[in-house]
Protein backbone atom coordinates (compact mmCIF):
# COMPACT_ATOMS: atom_id res chain seq x y z
CA MET A 1 41.31 126.49 186.26
CA ASN A 2 37.53 126.66 186.48
CA LYS A 3 36.28 123.24 185.37
CA LEU A 4 32.58 124.12 185.50
CA PRO A 5 32.36 125.58 181.95
CA LEU A 6 33.97 122.43 180.51
CA ALA A 7 31.62 120.18 182.50
CA LEU A 8 28.60 122.17 181.31
CA LEU A 9 29.81 122.05 177.71
CA SER A 10 30.13 118.26 177.96
CA LEU A 11 26.55 118.04 179.24
CA ARG A 12 25.33 120.30 176.43
CA ILE A 13 27.08 118.29 173.72
CA SER A 14 25.95 114.91 175.07
CA ILE A 15 22.32 116.02 175.50
CA PHE A 16 22.43 117.49 171.99
CA ALA A 17 23.75 114.19 170.58
CA VAL A 18 20.93 112.14 172.10
CA MET A 19 18.18 114.55 171.16
CA LEU A 20 19.58 114.97 167.64
CA MET A 21 19.32 111.21 167.09
CA TRP A 22 15.68 111.29 168.23
CA THR A 23 15.06 114.19 165.85
CA LEU A 24 16.80 112.49 162.92
CA ASP A 25 14.64 109.43 163.58
CA LYS A 26 11.60 111.59 162.86
CA PHE A 27 13.00 112.40 159.41
CA TYR A 28 14.24 108.87 158.76
CA ASN A 29 11.24 106.97 160.09
CA PRO A 30 8.22 109.26 160.63
CA SER A 31 5.95 106.26 161.22
CA HIS A 32 7.98 105.48 164.35
CA ALA A 33 7.36 109.02 165.63
CA ILE A 34 3.65 108.71 164.83
CA ALA A 35 3.51 105.48 166.84
CA ILE A 36 5.29 107.18 169.77
CA PHE A 37 2.78 110.03 169.72
CA GLN A 38 -0.06 107.51 169.86
CA GLN A 39 1.43 105.16 172.46
CA PHE A 40 3.16 107.53 174.88
CA TYR A 41 1.43 110.89 174.42
CA HIS A 42 -2.03 109.55 173.47
CA ILE A 43 -2.13 111.87 170.46
CA GLY A 44 -3.63 110.25 167.41
CA GLY A 45 -4.09 111.51 163.89
CA VAL A 46 -0.58 112.91 163.54
CA ASN A 47 0.54 112.69 159.92
CA GLU A 48 3.98 112.61 158.34
CA SER A 49 3.87 116.29 157.39
CA ALA A 50 3.34 117.24 161.03
CA ILE A 51 6.23 115.01 162.06
CA TYR A 52 8.53 116.65 159.49
CA LEU A 53 7.48 120.11 160.71
CA LEU A 54 8.11 119.10 164.31
CA ALA A 55 11.49 117.63 163.40
CA GLY A 56 12.43 120.83 161.57
CA ALA A 57 11.51 122.90 164.63
CA GLU A 58 13.51 120.52 166.80
CA VAL A 59 16.58 121.02 164.58
CA LEU A 60 16.29 124.78 165.11
CA LEU A 61 15.87 124.36 168.87
CA LEU A 62 18.75 121.92 169.13
CA THR A 63 21.01 124.21 167.11
CA ALA A 64 20.24 127.06 169.52
CA PHE A 65 20.80 124.69 172.44
CA LEU A 66 24.14 123.42 171.10
CA PHE A 67 25.52 126.92 170.59
CA GLY A 68 24.08 128.31 173.82
CA ILE A 69 21.81 130.76 172.03
CA LYS A 70 19.01 132.23 174.18
CA ARG A 71 19.93 129.83 176.96
CA THR A 72 16.91 130.37 179.20
CA LEU A 73 14.57 129.58 176.32
CA SER A 74 16.54 126.87 174.51
CA TYR A 75 17.77 125.05 177.64
CA GLY A 76 14.33 125.40 179.21
CA LEU A 77 12.54 123.93 176.21
CA VAL A 78 14.99 121.03 175.94
CA PHE A 79 14.49 120.34 179.67
CA LEU A 80 10.70 120.59 179.29
CA PHE A 81 10.53 118.35 176.20
CA HIS A 82 12.78 115.73 177.73
CA GLY A 83 10.79 115.90 180.97
CA VAL A 84 7.52 115.27 179.13
CA SER A 85 9.17 112.40 177.27
CA THR A 86 10.55 110.91 180.48
CA PHE A 87 7.30 111.10 182.42
CA SER A 88 5.17 109.87 179.51
CA ALA A 89 6.93 106.50 179.73
CA TRP A 90 5.68 105.86 183.27
CA GLN A 91 4.27 102.44 182.37
CA GLN A 92 7.72 101.21 181.34
CA TYR A 93 9.07 102.10 184.79
CA ASN A 94 6.40 99.91 186.39
CA ASN A 95 7.67 96.85 184.48
CA PRO A 96 11.43 97.38 184.26
CA PHE A 97 12.35 93.82 183.35
CA GLU A 98 9.93 93.37 180.44
CA GLY A 99 11.33 93.74 176.95
CA ALA A 100 13.61 96.74 176.59
CA ASN A 101 12.00 98.71 179.43
CA LEU A 102 15.28 98.96 181.36
CA LEU A 103 16.52 101.31 178.63
CA PHE A 104 13.86 103.85 179.65
CA PHE A 105 15.67 104.38 182.95
CA ALA A 106 18.50 106.08 181.05
CA ALA A 107 16.13 109.02 180.61
CA TRP A 108 16.44 109.95 184.30
CA PRO A 109 20.15 110.87 184.40
CA MET A 110 19.68 112.78 181.15
CA LEU A 111 16.76 114.66 182.69
CA ALA A 112 19.01 115.49 185.65
CA ALA A 113 21.67 116.69 183.21
CA CYS A 114 19.11 118.91 181.44
CA PHE A 115 18.03 120.32 184.80
CA THR A 116 21.63 120.93 185.87
CA LEU A 117 22.43 122.68 182.61
CA PHE A 118 19.33 124.85 182.95
CA LEU A 119 20.24 125.78 186.54
CA PHE A 120 23.82 126.68 185.60
CA ARG A 121 23.00 128.28 182.23
CA ASP A 122 24.56 131.59 183.26
CA GLN A 123 27.88 129.83 183.94
CA ASP A 124 27.74 127.86 180.66
CA ASN A 125 29.85 130.23 178.59
CA LEU A 126 32.17 127.93 176.67
CA LEU A 127 31.61 127.94 172.89
CA ASN A 128 28.41 129.98 173.10
CA ILE A 129 27.05 132.43 170.57
CA GLN A 130 25.55 135.52 172.13
CA ILE A 131 22.65 137.02 170.20
CA ARG A 132 21.10 140.20 171.53
CA ILE A 133 17.78 141.32 170.14
CA LYS A 134 16.82 144.92 170.85
């Protein structure tokens, strides 16, 4: 039995679960997302409407990701977004034992999982939906 498709599916589902919670947080508490944009991405002036639009786009991306739709694009964007998120927290890595900064280190294995899933996207065929656009 080839175990690779099952391993890749488990990565896809677990990455989806984490990113879905971050997306739902944008709907539930947009002020938290606004603060993150200011603190970690140095982007000010983001309003709640923009956060809701971003969260809606994330839901679409994550749905495509979960079902393996357009894998190069959806897996690539998830990897890119998580990579930006991981690297934007560089100050927390410099002070790992202050506050909850140790939690930021959990981003690294998830980034590796995103990278692995992107690399093996052609072998990730379990529970995928194939959409072909002509």
